[in-house]
């Protein structure tokens, strides 16, 4: 697990939200859970790991709605989380 799984989870969740298929978003949740558990063990940021999981679960639950923007909000939160994580790793 690592960056390839995070990027794959982002692509899966975005495509699942776009196509209205919650199974793709649930697959991205499965990919992100090990990383979230690893990040939640950090003493500096103990609750940060749960944020992307909750955002993707909310996105999966709202995926079949007529309006797709709630699903994209969850994917956007996940994308912002990945951008922040990448910033912390690079810096």
Protein backbone atom coordinates (compact mmCIF):
# COMPACT_ATOMS: atom_id res chain seq x y z
CA UNK A 1 0.00 0.00 0.00
CA UNK A 2 1.16 3.50 -0.63
CA UNK A 3 0.85 6.21 -3.21
CA UNK A 4 -0.25 3.91 -6.04
CA UNK A 5 -3.19 2.70 -3.97
CA UNK A 6 -4.07 6.27 -2.97
CA UNK A 7 -4.05 7.42 -6.58
CA UNK A 8 -6.05 4.37 -7.64
CA UNK A 9 -8.57 5.09 -4.86
CA UNK A 10 -8.91 8.68 -6.07
CA UNK A 11 -9.48 7.57 -9.66
CA UNK A 12 -11.96 4.88 -8.59
CA UNK A 13 -13.94 7.24 -6.39
CA UNK A 14 -14.05 9.97 -9.03
CA UNK A 15 -15.18 7.55 -11.72
CA UNK A 16 -17.73 5.98 -9.39
CA UNK A 17 -19.18 9.39 -8.53
CA UNK A 18 -19.24 10.41 -12.20
CA UNK A 19 -20.88 7.20 -13.41
CA UNK A 20 -23.19 6.83 -10.40
CA UNK A 21 -21.76 3.45 -9.43
CA UNK A 22 -21.31 3.17 -5.67
CA UNK A 23 -19.41 -0.13 -6.01
CA UNK A 24 -16.42 1.77 -7.39
CA UNK A 25 -16.51 4.18 -4.47
CA UNK A 26 -16.72 1.28 -2.01
CA UNK A 27 -13.68 -0.26 -3.71
CA UNK A 28 -11.79 2.98 -3.08
CA UNK A 29 -12.85 2.83 0.58
CA UNK A 30 -11.32 -0.65 0.80
CA UNK A 31 -8.11 0.70 -0.73
CA UNK A 32 -7.89 3.66 1.64
CA UNK A 33 -8.62 1.87 4.95
CA UNK A 34 -5.07 0.50 5.53
CA UNK A 35 -3.54 3.92 4.93
CA UNK A 36 -6.14 5.53 7.19
CA UNK A 37 -5.37 3.07 9.97
CA UNK A 38 -1.67 3.80 9.58
CA UNK A 39 -2.23 7.55 9.73
CA UNK A 40 -4.54 7.34 12.73
CA UNK A 41 -1.66 5.83 14.71
CA UNK A 42 0.31 9.06 14.43
CA UNK A 43 0.58 10.91 17.75
CA UNK A 44 0.56 14.32 16.04
CA UNK A 45 -2.61 13.73 14.00
CA UNK A 46 -4.66 10.98 15.68
CA UNK A 47 -8.01 11.73 13.99
CA UNK A 48 -6.77 12.61 10.52
CA UNK A 49 -6.99 9.06 9.20
CA UNK A 50 -10.75 8.82 9.65
CA UNK A 51 -11.53 11.90 7.51
CA UNK A 52 -10.97 10.34 4.06
CA UNK A 53 -12.80 7.16 5.02
CA UNK A 54 -15.86 9.06 6.22
CA UNK A 55 -15.80 11.31 3.15
CA UNK A 56 -15.70 8.34 0.78
CA UNK A 57 -18.40 6.46 2.70
CA UNK A 58 -20.64 9.52 2.46
CA UNK A 59 -19.81 9.76 -1.23
CA UNK A 60 -20.74 6.10 -1.76
CA UNK A 61 -24.03 6.52 0.08
CA UNK A 62 -25.02 9.58 -1.96
CA UNK A 63 -23.79 8.23 -5.28
CA UNK A 64 -27.16 7.17 -6.69
CA UNK A 65 -28.93 10.44 -6.03
CA UNK A 66 -30.31 12.46 -8.90
CA UNK A 67 -27.99 15.33 -8.04
CA UNK A 68 -24.42 14.14 -8.10
CA UNK A 69 -22.80 17.07 -6.32
CA UNK A 70 -22.97 15.52 -2.80
CA UNK A 71 -20.97 12.59 -4.06
CA UNK A 72 -18.41 14.91 -5.62
CA UNK A 73 -18.07 16.78 -2.32
CA UNK A 74 -16.85 13.58 -0.67
CA UNK A 75 -14.43 12.93 -3.52
CA UNK A 76 -13.24 16.53 -3.28
CA UNK A 77 -12.57 16.18 0.43
CA UNK A 78 -10.57 13.05 -0.32
CA UNK A 79 -8.62 14.87 -3.06
CA UNK A 80 -7.83 17.73 -0.67
CA UNK A 81 -6.68 15.20 1.91
CA UNK A 82 -4.34 13.63 -0.64
CA UNK A 83 -3.00 17.04 -1.65
CA UNK A 84 -2.31 17.91 1.98
CA UNK A 85 -0.65 14.57 2.58
CA UNK A 86 1.53 15.02 -0.50
CA UNK A 87 2.51 18.47 0.72
CA UNK A 88 3.53 17.07 4.11
CA UNK A 89 5.59 14.32 2.48
CA UNK A 90 7.35 16.62 0.04
CA UNK A 91 8.11 19.28 2.64
